[in-house]
């Protein structure tokens, strides 16, 4: 299949998930407090990724319908790299 759409918006949406996971890992290391929700939501890193990911959210379904083998491999590598980064990230004590 020849890709016609690309996977940019899909990757931005996946990136948002990984950024949120890293911020959660960092913020919740000392347990959960209700104030953590505000801290997470107001983190500049999260806010930037939310804006970026949701600007193209309507394109994600069509990107998935048009995904090529090379794009699929790119997505697998992207996810693998982000998972490795998440697992290696050790928040300061």
C-alpha atoms as a PDB file:
ATOM      1  CA  UNK A   1       0.000   0.000   0.000  1.00  0.00           C
ATOM      2  CA  UNK A   2       1.310   3.460  -0.826  1.00  0.00           C
ATOM      3  CA  UNK A   3       0.897   5.849   2.032  1.00  0.00           C
ATOM      4  CA  UNK A   4      -1.008   8.988   1.215  1.00  0.00           C
ATOM      5  CA  UNK A   5      -1.597  10.466   4.629  1.00  0.00           C
ATOM      6  CA  UNK A   6       1.500   9.948   6.810  1.00  0.00           C
ATOM      7  CA  UNK A   7       1.646   9.293  10.562  1.00  0.00           C
ATOM      8  CA  UNK A   8       2.601  12.674  12.028  1.00  0.00           C
ATOM      9  CA  UNK A   9      -0.589  13.190  14.041  1.00  0.00           C
ATOM     10  CA  UNK A  10      -0.560   9.599  15.297  1.00  0.00           C
ATOM     11  CA  UNK A  11       2.988  10.038  16.554  1.00  0.00           C
ATOM     12  CA  UNK A  12       2.098  13.322  18.249  1.00  0.00           C
ATOM     13  CA  UNK A  13      -0.828  11.646  20.020  1.00  0.00           C
ATOM     14  CA  UNK A  14       1.347   8.733  21.140  1.00  0.00           C
ATOM     15  CA  UNK A  15       4.010  11.179  22.313  1.00  0.00           C
ATOM     16  CA  UNK A  16       1.400  12.878  24.506  1.00  0.00           C
ATOM     17  CA  UNK A  17       0.721   9.556  26.227  1.00  0.00           C
ATOM     18  CA  UNK A  18       4.395   9.000  26.943  1.00  0.00           C
ATOM     19  CA  UNK A  19       4.908  12.554  28.218  1.00  0.00           C
ATOM     20  CA  UNK A  20       1.950  12.158  30.580  1.00  0.00           C
ATOM     21  CA  UNK A  21       3.303   8.788  31.750  1.00  0.00           C
ATOM     22  CA  UNK A  22       6.716  10.309  32.544  1.00  0.00           C
ATOM     23  CA  UNK A  23       5.176  13.258  34.396  1.00  0.00           C
ATOM     24  CA  UNK A  24       2.927  10.882  36.367  1.00  0.00           C
ATOM     25  CA  UNK A  25       5.921   8.745  37.257  1.00  0.00           C
ATOM     26  CA  UNK A  26       7.779  11.802  38.510  1.00  0.00           C
ATOM     27  CA  UNK A  27       4.868  13.406  40.370  1.00  0.00           C
ATOM     28  CA  UNK A  28       3.468  10.271  41.980  1.00  0.00           C
ATOM     29  CA  UNK A  29       6.717   8.831  43.319  1.00  0.00           C
ATOM     30  CA  UNK A  30       5.793  10.094  46.799  1.00  0.00           C
ATOM     31  CA  UNK A  31       2.189   8.917  46.600  1.00  0.00           C
ATOM     32  CA  UNK A  32      -0.908  10.633  45.292  1.00  0.00           C
ATOM     33  CA  UNK A  33      -2.164  13.986  46.495  1.00  0.00           C
ATOM     34  CA  UNK A  34      -5.055  15.800  44.839  1.00  0.00           C
ATOM     35  CA  UNK A  35      -2.679  18.696  44.109  1.00  0.00           C
ATOM     36  CA  UNK A  36      -0.750  16.338  41.804  1.00  0.00           C
ATOM     37  CA  UNK A  37      -3.563  16.613  39.250  1.00  0.00           C
ATOM     38  CA  UNK A  38      -3.072  20.367  38.940  1.00  0.00           C
ATOM     39  CA  UNK A  39       0.691  20.003  38.848  1.00  0.00           C
ATOM     40  CA  UNK A  40       0.448  17.456  36.043  1.00  0.00           C
ATOM     41  CA  UNK A  41      -2.078  19.481  34.048  1.00  0.00           C
ATOM     42  CA  UNK A  42      -0.064  22.688  34.413  1.00  0.00           C
ATOM     43  CA  UNK A  43       3.298  21.195  33.497  1.00  0.00           C
ATOM     44  CA  UNK A  44       4.497  23.152  30.444  1.00  0.00           C
ATOM     45  CA  UNK A  45       5.698  19.928  28.821  1.00  0.00           C
ATOM     46  CA  UNK A  46       2.214  18.380  29.104  1.00  0.00           C
ATOM     47  CA  UNK A  47       0.412  21.541  27.983  1.00  0.00           C
ATOM     48  CA  UNK A  48       2.553  21.825  24.865  1.00  0.00           C
ATOM     49  CA  UNK A  49       2.011  18.177  23.940  1.00  0.00           C
ATOM     50  CA  UNK A  50      -1.758  18.381  24.566  1.00  0.00           C
ATOM     51  CA  UNK A  51      -2.065  21.325  22.196  1.00  0.00           C
ATOM     52  CA  UNK A  52       0.094  19.592  19.597  1.00  0.00           C
ATOM     53  CA  UNK A  53      -1.653  16.201  19.858  1.00  0.00           C
ATOM     54  CA  UNK A  54      -5.197  17.498  19.827  1.00  0.00           C
ATOM     55  CA  UNK A  55      -4.633  19.856  16.906  1.00  0.00           C
ATOM     56  CA  UNK A  56      -4.489  16.835  14.601  1.00  0.00           C
ATOM     57  CA  UNK A  57      -6.581  14.286  16.490  1.00  0.00           C
ATOM     58  CA  UNK A  58      -9.176  14.135  13.716  1.00  0.00           C
ATOM     59  CA  UNK A  59      -6.493  12.822  11.331  1.00  0.00           C
ATOM     60  CA  UNK A  60      -5.418   9.827  13.427  1.00  0.00           C
ATOM     61  CA  UNK A  61      -8.116   7.439  12.171  1.00  0.00           C
ATOM     62  CA  UNK A  62      -7.304   8.138   8.518  1.00  0.00           C
ATOM     63  CA  UNK A  63      -3.588   7.777   9.249  1.00  0.00           C
ATOM     64  CA  UNK A  64      -4.208   4.325  10.730  1.00  0.00           C
ATOM     65  CA  UNK A  65      -6.334   3.295   7.767  1.00  0.00           C
ATOM     66  CA  UNK A  66      -3.507   4.282   5.409  1.00  0.00           C
ATOM     67  CA  UNK A  67      -0.512   2.967   7.385  1.00  0.00           C
ATOM     68  CA  UNK A  68       2.174   1.334   5.249  1.00  0.00           C
ATOM     69  CA  UNK A  69       4.690  -1.298   6.298  1.00  0.00           C
ATOM     70  CA  UNK A  70       7.443   1.295   6.673  1.00  0.00           C
ATOM     71  CA  UNK A  71       5.170   3.549   8.717  1.00  0.00           C
ATOM     72  CA  UNK A  72       4.211   0.581  10.898  1.00  0.00           C
ATOM     73  CA  UNK A  73       7.875  -0.146  11.512  1.00  0.00           C
ATOM     74  CA  UNK A  74       8.471   3.540  12.264  1.00  0.00           C
ATOM     75  CA  UNK A  75       5.653   3.457  14.830  1.00  0.00           C
ATOM     76  CA  UNK A  76       7.044   0.300  16.437  1.00  0.00           C
ATOM     77  CA  UNK A  77      10.497   1.895  16.730  1.00  0.00           C
ATOM     78  CA  UNK A  78       8.958   5.115  18.077  1.00  0.00           C
ATOM     79  CA  UNK A  79       7.010   3.246  20.761  1.00  0.00           C
ATOM     80  CA  UNK A  80       9.979   1.035  21.651  1.00  0.00           C
ATOM     81  CA  UNK A  81      12.239   4.074  22.040  1.00  0.00           C
ATOM     82  CA  UNK A  82       9.697   5.874  24.237  1.00  0.00           C
ATOM     83  CA  UNK A  83       9.171   2.822  26.449  1.00  0.00           C
ATOM     84  CA  UNK A  84      12.945   2.444  26.879  1.00  0.00           C
ATOM     85  CA  UNK A  85      13.209   6.140  27.733  1.00  0.00           C
ATOM     86  CA  UNK A  86      10.372   5.815  30.256  1.00  0.00           C
ATOM     87  CA  UNK A  87      11.974   2.808  31.929  1.00  0.00           C
ATOM     88  CA  UNK A  88      15.395   4.479  32.108  1.00  0.00           C
ATOM     89  CA  UNK A  89      14.003   7.743  33.500  1.00  0.00           C
ATOM     90  CA  UNK A  90      14.729   7.804  37.195  1.00  0.00           C
ATOM     91  CA  UNK A  91      13.179  10.801  38.952  1.00  0.00           C
ATOM     92  CA  UNK A  92      15.382  12.614  41.441  1.00  0.00           C
ATOM     93  CA  UNK A  93      14.809  11.465  44.998  1.00  0.00           C
END
